[in-house]
Amino acid sequence: MVFECVKRVNELVKRMSLLEESIAVETGYIKGLYVKASKSMSETQHYFLNGIQASPVAKSYLLTKKGIEVVGEEAIPIPTFIDEVLNFANYPKKKIEVLMVLAKHLEAMPMNLS
């Protein structure tokens, strides 16, 4: 009975590893699309990233040609920003939710990313 329990838990650990690997792959893909979107923008264009907030202090994140900008702060490189956002998502379900928000923003952007 205990052996079966250990075996089932080990199976869960393997599936969790596969899920975490898939999350890492999708994160890399989304980073690439955001970099591509940023590079295709003019100096005056920006896209407001609402819904990406994990802290009690509200900030306005803008995708610009320079990366991710917050009013009054230095531009953040896109890969760094996405890594930081995902670091606040402590568990895989939350990370997937954050990736979905990022993907929905890409879908709504008025530019061709194909």
PDB file of N, CA and C in Angstrom:
ATOM      1  N   MET A   1       0.826  -1.188   0.000  1.00  0.00           N
ATOM      2  CA  MET A   1       0.000   0.000   0.000  1.00  0.00           C
ATOM      3  C   MET A   1       0.876   1.260   0.000  1.00  0.00           C
ATOM      4  N   VAL A   2       1.878   1.334   0.868  1.00  0.00           N
ATOM      5  CA  VAL A   2       2.768   2.491   0.919  1.00  0.00           C
ATOM      6  C   VAL A   2       3.576   2.586  -0.371  1.00  0.00           C
ATOM      7  N   PHE A   3       4.021   1.438  -0.865  1.00  0.00           N
ATOM      8  CA  PHE A   3       4.790   1.419  -2.110  1.00  0.00           C
ATOM      9  C   PHE A   3       3.974   2.027  -3.248  1.00  0.00           C
ATOM     10  N   GLU A   4       2.702   1.688  -3.357  1.00  0.00           N
ATOM     11  CA  GLU A   4       1.832   2.238  -4.393  1.00  0.00           C
ATOM     12  C   GLU A   4       1.664   3.748  -4.244  1.00  0.00           C
ATOM     13  N   CYS A   5       1.550   4.196  -3.013  1.00  0.00           N
ATOM     14  CA  CYS A   5       1.413   5.632  -2.749  1.00  0.00           C
ATOM     15  C   CYS A   5       2.666   6.378  -3.207  1.00  0.00           C
ATOM     16  N   VAL A   6       3.825   5.852  -2.855  1.00  0.00           N
ATOM     17  CA  VAL A   6       5.101   6.458  -3.259  1.00  0.00           C
ATOM     18  C   VAL A   6       5.214   6.460  -4.780  1.00  0.00           C
ATOM     19  N   LYS A   7       4.806   5.386  -5.392  1.00  0.00           N
ATOM     20  CA  LYS A   7       4.861   5.273  -6.849  1.00  0.00           C
ATOM     21  C   LYS A   7       3.963   6.340  -7.505  1.00  0.00           C
ATOM     22  N   ARG A   8       2.747   6.532  -6.990  1.00  0.00           N
ATOM     23  CA  ARG A   8       1.834   7.530  -7.545  1.00  0.00           C
ATOM     24  C   ARG A   8       2.371   8.948  -7.342  1.00  0.00           C
ATOM     25  N   VAL A   9       2.959   9.208  -6.188  1.00  0.00           N
ATOM     26  CA  VAL A   9       3.532  10.532  -5.936  1.00  0.00           C
ATOM     27  C   VAL A   9       4.715  10.778  -6.861  1.00  0.00           C
ATOM     28  N   ASN A  10       5.544   9.778  -7.072  1.00  0.00           N
ATOM     29  CA  ASN A  10       6.663   9.912  -8.020  1.00  0.00           C
ATOM     30  C   ASN A  10       6.147  10.229  -9.422  1.00  0.00           C
ATOM     31  N   GLU A  11       5.038   9.639  -9.794  1.00  0.00           N
ATOM     32  CA  GLU A  11       4.430   9.914 -11.096  1.00  0.00           C
ATOM     33  C   GLU A  11       3.977  11.374 -11.171  1.00  0.00           C
ATOM     34  N   LEU A  12       3.416  11.892 -10.078  1.00  0.00           N
ATOM     35  CA  LEU A  12       3.027  13.301 -10.031  1.00  0.00           C
ATOM     36  C   LEU A  12       4.239  14.214 -10.175  1.00  0.00           C
ATOM     37  N   VAL A  13       5.329  13.847  -9.521  1.00  0.00           N
ATOM     38  CA  VAL A  13       6.566  14.634  -9.614  1.00  0.00           C
ATOM     39  C   VAL A  13       7.047  14.676 -11.066  1.00  0.00           C
ATOM     40  N   LYS A  14       7.002  13.547 -11.762  1.00  0.00           N
ATOM     41  CA  LYS A  14       7.416  13.507 -13.173  1.00  0.00           C
ATOM     42  C   LYS A  14       6.522  14.396 -14.027  1.00  0.00           C
ATOM     43  N   ARG A  15       5.206  14.332 -13.803  1.00  0.00           N
ATOM     44  CA  ARG A  15       4.283  15.154 -14.580  1.00  0.00           C
ATOM     45  C   ARG A  15       4.488  16.633 -14.283  1.00  0.00           C
ATOM     46  N   MET A  16       4.776  16.954 -13.036  1.00  0.00           N
ATOM     47  CA  MET A  16       5.031  18.353 -12.672  1.00  0.00           C
ATOM     48  C   MET A  16       6.293  18.858 -13.378  1.00  0.00           C
ATOM     49  N   SER A  17       7.309  18.024 -13.465  1.00  0.00           N
ATOM     50  CA  SER A  17       8.539  18.408 -14.176  1.00  0.00           C
ATOM     51  C   SER A  17       8.248  18.683 -15.648  1.00  0.00           C
ATOM     52  N   LEU A  18       7.430  17.827 -16.260  1.00  0.00           N
ATOM     53  CA  LEU A  18       7.060  18.037 -17.656  1.00  0.00           C
ATOM     54  C   LEU A  18       6.276  19.343 -17.824  1.00  0.00           C
ATOM     55  N   LEU A  19       5.382  19.623 -16.896  1.00  0.00           N
ATOM     56  CA  LEU A  19       4.610  20.864 -16.943  1.00  0.00           C
ATOM     57  C   LEU A  19       5.531  22.074 -16.808  1.00  0.00           C
ATOM     58  N   GLU A  20       6.474  22.012 -15.887  1.00  0.00           N
ATOM     59  CA  GLU A  20       7.408  23.124 -15.695  1.00  0.00           C
ATOM     60  C   GLU A  20       8.284  23.331 -16.932  1.00  0.00           C
ATOM     61  N   GLU A  21       8.669  22.241 -17.594  1.00  0.00           N
ATOM     62  CA  GLU A  21       9.436  22.358 -18.835  1.00  0.00           C
ATOM     63  C   GLU A  21       8.593  23.028 -19.919  1.00  0.00           C
ATOM     64  N   SER A  22       7.323  22.647 -20.007  1.00  0.00           N
ATOM     65  CA  SER A  22       6.427  23.253 -20.994  1.00  0.00           C
ATOM     66  C   SER A  22       6.237  24.742 -20.716  1.00  0.00           C
ATOM     67  N   ILE A  23       6.116  25.101 -19.459  1.00  0.00           N
ATOM     68  CA  ILE A  23       5.982  26.509 -19.087  1.00  0.00           C
ATOM     69  C   ILE A  23       7.229  27.277 -19.513  1.00  0.00           C
ATOM     70  N   ALA A  24       8.399  26.696 -19.311  1.00  0.00           N
ATOM     71  CA  ALA A  24       9.650  27.355 -19.703  1.00  0.00           C
ATOM     72  C   ALA A  24       9.718  27.551 -21.219  1.00  0.00           C
ATOM     73  N   VAL A  25       9.281  26.558 -21.983  1.00  0.00           N
ATOM     74  CA  VAL A  25       9.283  26.668 -23.444  1.00  0.00           C
ATOM     75  C   VAL A  25       8.352  27.790 -23.890  1.00  0.00           C
ATOM     76  N   GLU A  26       7.139  27.818 -23.355  1.00  0.00           N
ATOM     77  CA  GLU A  26       6.175  28.862 -23.731  1.00  0.00           C
ATOM     78  C   GLU A  26       6.645  30.244 -23.295  1.00  0.00           C
ATOM     79  N   THR A  27       7.297  30.307 -22.147  1.00  0.00           N
ATOM     80  CA  THR A  27       7.839  31.586 -21.676  1.00  0.00           C
ATOM     81  C   THR A  27       8.871  32.113 -22.668  1.00  0.00           C
ATOM     82  N   GLY A  28       9.750  31.268 -23.127  1.00  0.00           N
ATOM     83  CA  GLY A  28      10.747  31.674 -24.118  1.00  0.00           C
ATOM     84  C   GLY A  28      10.106  32.145 -25.415  1.00  0.00           C
ATOM     85  N   TYR A  29       9.066  31.452 -25.838  1.00  0.00           N
ATOM     86  CA  TYR A  29       8.366  31.815 -27.066  1.00  0.00           C
ATOM     87  C   TYR A  29       7.699  33.187 -26.916  1.00  0.00           C
ATOM     88  N   ILE A  30       7.033  33.399 -25.792  1.00  0.00           N
ATOM     89  CA  ILE A  30       6.366  34.680 -25.547  1.00  0.00           C
ATOM     90  C   ILE A  30       7.380  35.816 -25.448  1.00  0.00           C
ATOM     91  N   LYS A  31       8.516  35.560 -24.823  1.00  0.00           N
ATOM     92  CA  LYS A  31       9.570  36.585 -24.763  1.00  0.00           C
ATOM     93  C   LYS A  31       9.970  36.998 -26.173  1.00  0.00           C
ATOM     94  N   GLY A  32      10.163  36.020 -27.034  1.00  0.00           N
ATOM     95  CA  GLY A  32      10.552  36.308 -28.408  1.00  0.00           C
ATOM     96  C   GLY A  32       9.520  37.134 -29.149  1.00  0.00           C
ATOM     97  N   LEU A  33       8.244  36.806 -28.944  1.00  0.00           N
ATOM     98  CA  LEU A  33       7.184  37.574 -29.606  1.00  0.00           C
ATOM     99  C   LEU A  33       7.117  39.009 -29.087  1.00  0.00           C
ATOM    100  N   TYR A  34       7.312  39.184 -27.786  1.00  0.00           N
ATOM    101  CA  TYR A  34       7.306  40.543 -27.235  1.00  0.00           C
ATOM    102  C   TYR A  34       8.494  41.349 -27.747  1.00  0.00           C
ATOM    103  N   VAL A  35       9.647  40.727 -27.863  1.00  0.00           N
ATOM    104  CA  VAL A  35      10.823  41.427 -28.413  1.00  0.00           C
ATOM    105  C   VAL A  35      10.543  41.826 -29.859  1.00  0.00           C
ATOM    106  N   LYS A  36       9.949  40.911 -30.612  1.00  0.00           N
ATOM    107  CA  LYS A  36       9.614  41.200 -32.011  1.00  0.00           C
ATOM    108  C   LYS A  36       8.606  42.351 -32.091  1.00  0.00           C
ATOM    109  N   ALA A  37       7.587  42.323 -31.237  1.00  0.00           N
ATOM    110  CA  ALA A  37       6.588  43.391 -31.231  1.00  0.00           C
ATOM    111  C   ALA A  37       7.239  44.731 -30.888  1.00  0.00           C
ATOM    112  N   SER A  38       8.111  44.708 -29.904  1.00  0.00           N
ATOM    113  CA  SER A  38       8.795  45.930 -29.478  1.00  0.00           C
ATOM    114  C   SER A  38       9.636  46.503 -30.612  1.00  0.00           C
ATOM    115  N   LYS A  39      10.387  45.653 -31.283  1.00  0.00           N
ATOM    116  CA  LYS A  39      11.255  46.107 -32.374  1.00  0.00           C
ATOM    117  C   LYS A  39      10.464  46.666 -33.546  1.00  0.00           C
ATOM    118  N   SER A  40       9.223  46.198 -33.713  1.00  0.00           N
ATOM    119  CA  SER A  40       8.422  46.665 -34.843  1.00  0.00           C
ATOM    120  C   SER A  40       7.715  47.988 -34.555  1.00  0.00           C
ATOM    121  N   MET A  41       7.810  48.475 -33.329  1.00  0.00           N
ATOM    122  CA  MET A  41       7.138  49.729 -32.957  1.00  0.00           C
ATOM    123  C   MET A  41       7.992  50.935 -33.344  1.00  0.00           C
ATOM    124  N   SER A  42       7.298  52.045 -33.587  1.00  0.00           N
ATOM    125  CA  SER A  42       8.026  53.290 -33.812  1.00  0.00           C
ATOM    126  C   SER A  42       8.386  53.870 -32.441  1.00  0.00           C
ATOM    127  N   GLU A  43       9.200  54.900 -32.433  1.00  0.00           N
ATOM    128  CA  GLU A  43       9.620  55.525 -31.170  1.00  0.00           C
ATOM    129  C   GLU A  43       8.445  56.115 -30.388  1.00  0.00           C
ATOM    130  N   THR A  44       7.385  56.483 -31.089  1.00  0.00           N
ATOM    131  CA  THR A  44       6.245  57.123 -30.415  1.00  0.00           C
ATOM    132  C   THR A  44       5.133  56.151 -30.047  1.00  0.00           C
ATOM    133  N   GLN A  45       5.214  54.919 -30.520  1.00  0.00           N
ATOM    134  CA  GLN A  45       4.177  53.932 -30.206  1.00  0.00           C
ATOM    135  C   GLN A  45       4.400  53.315 -28.838  1.00  0.00           C
ATOM    136  N   HIS A  46       3.303  52.875 -28.231  1.00  0.00           N
ATOM    137  CA  HIS A  46       3.380  52.101 -27.003  1.00  0.00           C
ATOM    138  C   HIS A  46       2.115  51.259 -26.881  1.00  0.00           C
ATOM    139  N   TYR A  47       2.194  50.208 -26.083  1.00  0.00           N
ATOM    140  CA  TYR A  47       1.044  49.356 -25.827  1.00  0.00           C
ATOM    141  C   TYR A  47       0.943  49.170 -24.320  1.00  0.00           C
ATOM    142  N   PHE A  48      -0.215  49.491 -23.753  1.00  0.00           N
ATOM    143  CA  PHE A  48      -0.445  49.415 -22.312  1.00  0.00           C
ATOM    144  C   PHE A  48      -0.709  47.966 -21.906  1.00  0.00           C
ATOM    145  N   LEU A  49       0.093  47.463 -20.977  1.00  0.00           N
ATOM    146  CA  LEU A  49      -0.046  46.087 -20.485  1.00  0.00           C
ATOM    147  C   LEU A  49      -0.815  46.099 -19.170  1.00  0.00           C
ATOM    148  N   ASN A  50      -2.125  46.105 -19.248  1.00  0.00           N
ATOM    149  CA  ASN A  50      -2.911  46.069 -18.015  1.00  0.00           C
ATOM    150  C   ASN A  50      -3.121  44.619 -17.572  1.00  0.00           C
ATOM    151  N   GLY A  51      -3.412  44.440 -16.322  1.00  0.00           N
ATOM    152  CA  GLY A  51      -3.675  43.104 -15.808  1.00  0.00           C
ATOM    153  C   GLY A  51      -2.440  42.328 -15.407  1.00  0.00           C
ATOM    154  N   ILE A  52      -1.276  42.929 -15.493  1.00  0.00           N
ATOM    155  CA  ILE A  52      -0.038  42.258 -15.097  1.00  0.00           C
ATOM    156  C   ILE A  52       0.449  42.947 -13.840  1.00  0.00           C
ATOM    157  N   GLN A  53      -0.182  42.628 -12.741  1.00  0.00           N
ATOM    158  CA  GLN A  53       0.105  43.321 -11.489  1.00  0.00           C
ATOM    159  C   GLN A  53       0.049  42.322 -10.344  1.00  0.00           C
ATOM    160  N   ALA A  54       1.117  42.199  -9.615  1.00  0.00           N
ATOM    161  CA  ALA A  54       1.124  41.307  -8.460  1.00  0.00           C
ATOM    162  C   ALA A  54       1.463  42.049  -7.182  1.00  0.00           C
ATOM    163  N   SER A  55       1.742  43.331  -7.297  1.00  0.00           N
ATOM    164  CA  SER A  55       2.105  44.090  -6.099  1.00  0.00           C
ATOM    165  C   SER A  55       0.993  45.065  -5.753  1.00  0.00           C
ATOM    166  N   PRO A  56       0.926  45.487  -4.501  1.00  0.00           N
ATOM    167  CA  PRO A  56      -0.127  46.417  -4.102  1.00  0.00           C
ATOM    168  C   PRO A  56       0.060  47.823  -4.671  1.00  0.00           C
ATOM    169  N   VAL A  57       1.259  48.143  -5.118  1.00  0.00           N
ATOM    170  CA  VAL A  57       1.533  49.453  -5.705  1.00  0.00           C
ATOM    171  C   VAL A  57       1.227  49.371  -7.203  1.00  0.00           C
ATOM    172  N   ALA A  58       0.237  50.133  -7.644  1.00  0.00           N
ATOM    173  CA  ALA A  58      -0.169  50.101  -9.050  1.00  0.00           C
ATOM    174  C   ALA A  58       0.866  50.804  -9.925  1.00  0.00           C
ATOM    175  N   LYS A  59       1.276  50.114 -10.981  1.00  0.00           N
ATOM    176  CA  LYS A  59       2.200  50.687 -11.947  1.00  0.00           C
ATOM    177  C   LYS A  59       1.599  50.507 -13.331  1.00  0.00           C
ATOM    178  N   SER A  60       1.921  51.414 -14.210  1.00  0.00           N
ATOM    179  CA  SER A  60       1.484  51.313 -15.589  1.00  0.00           C
ATOM    180  C   SER A  60       2.649  50.797 -16.426  1.00  0.00           C
ATOM    181  N   TYR A  61       2.496  49.587 -16.953  1.00  0.00           N
ATOM    182  CA  TYR A  61       3.540  48.993 -17.778  1.00  0.00           C
ATOM    183  C   TYR A  61       3.211  49.246 -19.243  1.00  0.00           C
ATOM    184  N   LEU A  62       4.207  49.744 -19.974  1.00  0.00           N
ATOM    185  CA  LEU A  62       4.031  50.034 -21.387  1.00  0.00           C
ATOM    186  C   LEU A  62       5.066  49.266 -22.195  1.00  0.00           C
ATOM    187  N   LEU A  63       4.620  48.581 -23.228  1.00  0.00           N
ATOM    188  CA  LEU A  63       5.533  47.979 -24.189  1.00  0.00           C
ATOM    189  C   LEU A  63       5.902  49.075 -25.172  1.00  0.00           C
ATOM    190  N   THR A  64       7.193  49.336 -25.306  1.00  0.00           N
ATOM    191  CA  THR A  64       7.675  50.372 -26.229  1.00  0.00           C
ATOM    192  C   THR A  64       8.838  49.818 -27.038  1.00  0.00           C
ATOM    193  N   LYS A  65       9.353  50.626 -27.912  1.00  0.00           N
ATOM    194  CA  LYS A  65      10.522  50.234 -28.714  1.00  0.00           C
ATOM    195  C   LYS A  65      11.733  49.928 -27.825  1.00  0.00           C
ATOM    196  N   LYS A  66      11.782  50.548 -26.633  1.00  0.00           N
ATOM    197  CA  LYS A  66      12.910  50.363 -25.711  1.00  0.00           C
ATOM    198  C   LYS A  66      12.754  49.148 -24.800  1.00  0.00           C
ATOM    199  N   GLY A  67      11.587  48.539 -24.771  1.00  0.00           N
ATOM    200  CA  GLY A  67      11.322  47.417 -23.870  1.00  0.00           C
ATOM    201  C   GLY A  67      10.049  47.681 -23.092  1.00  0.00           C
ATOM    202  N   ILE A  68      10.043  47.336 -21.819  1.00  0.00           N
ATOM    203  CA  ILE A  68       8.902  47.609 -20.955  1.00  0.00           C
ATOM    204  C   ILE A  68       9.250  48.842 -20.136  1.00  0.00           C
ATOM    205  N   GLU A  69       8.369  49.830 -20.186  1.00  0.00           N
ATOM    206  CA  GLU A  69       8.615  51.070 -19.460  1.00  0.00           C
ATOM    207  C   GLU A  69       7.549  51.289 -18.402  1.00  0.00           C
ATOM    208  N   VAL A  70       7.985  51.861 -17.305  1.00  0.00           N
ATOM    209  CA  VAL A  70       7.104  52.317 -16.242  1.00  0.00           C
ATOM    210  C   VAL A  70       7.376  53.808 -16.113  1.00  0.00           C
ATOM    211  N   VAL A  71       6.322  54.598 -16.078  1.00  0.00           N
ATOM    212  CA  VAL A  71       6.485  56.047 -15.999  1.00  0.00           C
ATOM    213  C   VAL A  71       7.388  56.403 -14.817  1.00  0.00           C
ATOM    214  N   GLY A  72       8.423  57.187 -15.084  1.00  0.00           N
ATOM    215  CA  GLY A  72       9.348  57.633 -14.047  1.00  0.00           C
ATOM    216  C   GLY A  72      10.463  56.652 -13.713  1.00  0.00           C
ATOM    217  N   GLU A  73      10.543  55.535 -14.420  1.00  0.00           N
ATOM    218  CA  GLU A  73      11.592  54.541 -14.168  1.00  0.00           C
ATOM    219  C   GLU A  73      12.320  54.215 -15.464  1.00  0.00           C
ATOM    220  N   GLU A  74      13.442  53.532 -15.322  1.00  0.00           N
ATOM    221  CA  GLU A  74      14.215  53.086 -16.480  1.00  0.00           C
ATOM    222  C   GLU A  74      13.447  51.998 -17.230  1.00  0.00           C
ATOM    223  N   ALA A  75      13.682  51.893 -18.528  1.00  0.00           N
ATOM    224  CA  ALA A  75      13.092  50.812 -19.315  1.00  0.00           C
ATOM    225  C   ALA A  75      13.670  49.477 -18.838  1.00  0.00           C
ATOM    226  N   ILE A  76      12.833  48.464 -18.828  1.00  0.00           N
ATOM    227  CA  ILE A  76      13.232  47.120 -18.403  1.00  0.00           C
ATOM    228  C   ILE A  76      13.320  46.259 -19.657  1.00  0.00           C
ATOM    229  N   PRO A  77      14.408  45.504 -19.845  1.00  0.00           N
ATOM    230  CA  PRO A  77      14.455  44.589 -20.991  1.00  0.00           C
ATOM    231  C   PRO A  77      13.285  43.594 -20.895  1.00  0.00           C
ATOM    232  N   ILE A  78      12.704  43.283 -22.022  1.00  0.00           N
ATOM    233  CA  ILE A  78      11.519  42.422 -22.045  1.00  0.00           C
ATOM    234  C   ILE A  78      11.754  41.068 -21.363  1.00  0.00           C
ATOM    235  N   PRO A  79      12.843  40.339 -21.660  1.00  0.00           N
ATOM    236  CA  PRO A  79      13.039  39.053 -20.983  1.00  0.00           C
ATOM    237  C   PRO A  79      13.116  39.199 -19.455  1.00  0.00           C
ATOM    238  N   THR A  80      13.764  40.246 -18.980  1.00  0.00           N
ATOM    239  CA  THR A  80      13.862  40.491 -17.534  1.00  0.00           C
ATOM    240  C   THR A  80      12.484  40.738 -16.947  1.00  0.00           C
ATOM    241  N   PHE A  81      11.681  41.571 -17.622  1.00  0.00           N
ATOM    242  CA  PHE A  81      10.337  41.878 -17.148  1.00  0.00           C
ATOM    243  C   PHE A  81       9.493  40.608 -17.041  1.00  0.00           C
ATOM    244  N   ILE A  82       9.497  39.798 -18.093  1.00  0.00           N
ATOM    245  CA  ILE A  82       8.680  38.578 -18.082  1.00  0.00           C
ATOM    246  C   ILE A  82       9.159  37.625 -16.994  1.00  0.00           C
ATOM    247  N   ASP A  83      10.477  37.491 -16.825  1.00  0.00           N
ATOM    248  CA  ASP A  83      10.997  36.643 -15.741  1.00  0.00           C
ATOM    249  C   ASP A  83      10.536  37.147 -14.375  1.00  0.00           C
ATOM    250  N   GLU A  84      10.585  38.466 -14.178  1.00  0.00           N
ATOM    251  CA  GLU A  84      10.170  39.036 -12.894  1.00  0.00           C
ATOM    252  C   GLU A  84       8.678  38.828 -12.644  1.00  0.00           C
ATOM    253  N   VAL A  85       7.869  39.001 -13.677  1.00  0.00           N
ATOM    254  CA  VAL A  85       6.427  38.779 -13.534  1.00  0.00           C
ATOM    255  C   VAL A  85       6.152  37.323 -13.154  1.00  0.00           C
ATOM    256  N   LEU A  86       6.836  36.409 -13.805  1.00  0.00           N
ATOM    257  CA  LEU A  86       6.613  34.987 -13.513  1.00  0.00           C
ATOM    258  C   LEU A  86       7.165  34.580 -12.151  1.00  0.00           C
ATOM    259  N   ASN A  87       8.176  35.293 -11.657  1.00  0.00           N
ATOM    260  CA  ASN A  87       8.700  34.971 -10.330  1.00  0.00           C
ATOM    261  C   ASN A  87       7.668  35.218  -9.239  1.00  0.00           C
ATOM    262  N   PHE A  88       6.738  36.160  -9.489  1.00  0.00           N
ATOM    263  CA  PHE A  88       5.674  36.404  -8.520  1.00  0.00           C
ATOM    264  C   PHE A  88       4.634  35.291  -8.539  1.00  0.00           C
ATOM    265  N   ALA A  89       4.566  34.557  -9.628  1.00  0.00           N
ATOM    266  CA  ALA A  89       3.628  33.439  -9.742  1.00  0.00           C
ATOM    267  C   ALA A  89       4.310  32.199  -9.167  1.00  0.00           C
ATOM    268  N   ASN A  90       4.013  31.883  -7.935  1.00  0.00           N
ATOM    269  CA  ASN A  90       4.746  30.848  -7.203  1.00  0.00           C
ATOM    270  C   ASN A  90       4.463  29.419  -7.645  1.00  0.00           C
ATOM    271  N   TYR A  91       3.377  29.191  -8.332  1.00  0.00           N
ATOM    272  CA  TYR A  91       3.032  27.818  -8.665  1.00  0.00           C
ATOM    273  C   TYR A  91       2.609  27.739 -10.133  1.00  0.00           C
ATOM    274  N   PRO A  92       2.681  26.557 -10.735  1.00  0.00           N
ATOM    275  CA  PRO A  92       2.465  26.424 -12.183  1.00  0.00           C
ATOM    276  C   PRO A  92       1.126  26.991 -12.678  1.00  0.00           C
ATOM    277  N   LYS A  93       0.049  26.781 -11.947  1.00  0.00           N
ATOM    278  CA  LYS A  93      -1.251  27.288 -12.397  1.00  0.00           C
ATOM    279  C   LYS A  93      -1.207  28.805 -12.552  1.00  0.00           C
ATOM    280  N   LYS A  94      -0.618  29.491 -11.603  1.00  0.00           N
ATOM    281  CA  LYS A  94      -0.521  30.951 -11.669  1.00  0.00           C
ATOM    282  C   LYS A  94       0.393  31.374 -12.818  1.00  0.00           C
ATOM    283  N   LYS A  95       1.488  30.651 -13.036  1.00  0.00           N
ATOM    284  CA  LYS A  95       2.386  30.979 -14.145  1.00  0.00           C
ATOM    285  C   LYS A  95       1.656  30.845 -15.479  1.00  0.00           C
ATOM    286  N   ILE A  96       0.834  29.809 -15.609  1.00  0.00           N
ATOM    287  CA  ILE A  96       0.066  29.618 -16.839  1.00  0.00           C
ATOM    288  C   ILE A  96      -0.931  30.759 -17.003  1.00  0.00           C
ATOM    289  N   GLU A  97      -1.548  31.189 -15.912  1.00  0.00           N
ATOM    290  CA  GLU A  97      -2.479  32.319 -15.981  1.00  0.00           C
ATOM    291  C   GLU A  97      -1.765  33.592 -16.439  1.00  0.00           C
ATOM    292  N   VAL A  98      -0.566  33.837 -15.922  1.00  0.00           N
ATOM    293  CA  VAL A  98       0.211  35.013 -16.322  1.00  0.00           C
ATOM    294  C   VAL A  98       0.585  34.910 -17.803  1.00  0.00           C
ATOM    295  N   LEU A  99       1.014  33.726 -18.237  1.00  0.00           N
ATOM    296  CA  LEU A  99       1.352  33.541 -19.647  1.00  0.00           C
ATOM    297  C   LEU A  99       0.128  33.787 -20.530  1.00  0.00           C
ATOM    298  N   MET A 100      -1.050  33.387 -20.056  1.00  0.00           N
ATOM    299  CA  MET A 100      -2.270  33.622 -20.831  1.00  0.00           C
ATOM    300  C   MET A 100      -2.556  35.119 -20.956  1.00  0.00           C
ATOM    301  N   VAL A 101      -2.365  35.866 -19.882  1.00  0.00           N
ATOM    302  CA  VAL A 101      -2.557  37.322 -19.946  1.00  0.00           C
ATOM    303  C   VAL A 101      -1.582  37.926 -20.959  1.00  0.00           C
ATOM    304  N   LEU A 102      -0.329  37.502 -20.901  1.00  0.00           N
ATOM    305  CA  LEU A 102       0.667  38.007 -21.847  1.00  0.00           C
ATOM    306  C   LEU A 102       0.296  37.631 -23.281  1.00  0.00           C
ATOM    307  N   ALA A 103      -0.169  36.404 -23.482  1.00  0.00           N
ATOM    308  CA  ALA A 103      -0.559  35.960 -24.824  1.00  0.00           C
ATOM    309  C   ALA A 103      -1.766  36.743 -25.335  1.00  0.00           C
ATOM    310  N   LYS A 104      -2.725  37.020 -24.462  1.00  0.00           N
ATOM    311  CA  LYS A 104      -3.908  37.797 -24.862  1.00  0.00           C
ATOM    312  C   LYS A 104      -3.510  39.216 -25.285  1.00  0.00           C
ATOM    313  N   HIS A 105      -2.519  39.786 -24.610  1.00  0.00           N
ATOM    314  CA  HIS A 105      -2.024  41.106 -25.022  1.00  0.00           C
ATOM    315  C   HIS A 105      -1.426  41.031 -26.423  1.00  0.00           C
ATOM    316  N   LEU A 106      -0.644  39.990 -26.676  1.00  0.00           N
ATOM    317  CA  LEU A 106      -0.061  39.834 -28.007  1.00  0.00           C
ATOM    318  C   LEU A 106      -1.156  39.736 -29.066  1.00  0.00           C
ATOM    319  N   GLU A 107      -2.195  39.002 -28.738  1.00  0.00           N
ATOM    320  CA  GLU A 107      -3.307  38.823 -29.667  1.00  0.00           C
ATOM    321  C   GLU A 107      -4.009  40.155 -29.969  1.00  0.00           C
ATOM    322  N   ALA A 108      -4.075  41.027 -28.976  1.00  0.00           N
ATOM    323  CA  ALA A 108      -4.770  42.300 -29.130  1.00  0.00           C
ATOM    324  C   ALA A 108      -3.926  43.386 -29.777  1.00  0.00           C
ATOM    325  N   MET A 109      -2.622  43.181 -29.883  1.00  0.00           N
ATOM    326  CA  MET A 109      -1.749  44.214 -30.443  1.00  0.00           C
ATOM    327  C   MET A 109      -2.032  44.389 -31.935  1.00  0.00           C
ATOM    328  N   PRO A 110      -2.079  45.641 -32.372  1.00  0.00           N
ATOM    329  CA  PRO A 110      -2.410  45.920 -33.772  1.00  0.00           C
ATOM    330  C   PRO A 110      -1.238  45.766 -34.731  1.00  0.00           C
ATOM    331  N   MET A 111      -0.475  44.697 -34.591  1.00  0.00           N
ATOM    332  CA  MET A 111       0.666  44.498 -35.496  1.00  0.00           C
ATOM    333  C   MET A 111       0.748  43.033 -35.860  1.00  0.00           C
ATOM    334  N   ASN A 112       1.342  42.759 -36.983  1.00  0.00           N
ATOM    335  CA  ASN A 112       1.470  41.394 -37.468  1.00  0.00           C
ATOM    336  C   ASN A 112       2.745  40.783 -36.903  1.00  0.00           C
ATOM    337  N   LEU A 113       2.600  39.736 -36.075  1.00  0.00           N
ATOM    338  CA  LEU A 113       3.769  39.112 -35.456  1.00  0.00           C
ATOM    339  C   LEU A 113       4.078  37.748 -36.064  1.00  0.00           C
ATOM    340  N   SER A 114       3.473  37.431 -37.198  1.00  0.00           N
ATOM    341  CA  SER A 114       3.723  36.106 -37.789  1.00  0.00           C
ATOM    342  C   SER A 114       5.010  36.050 -38.562  1.00  0.00           C
TER     343      SER A 114
END
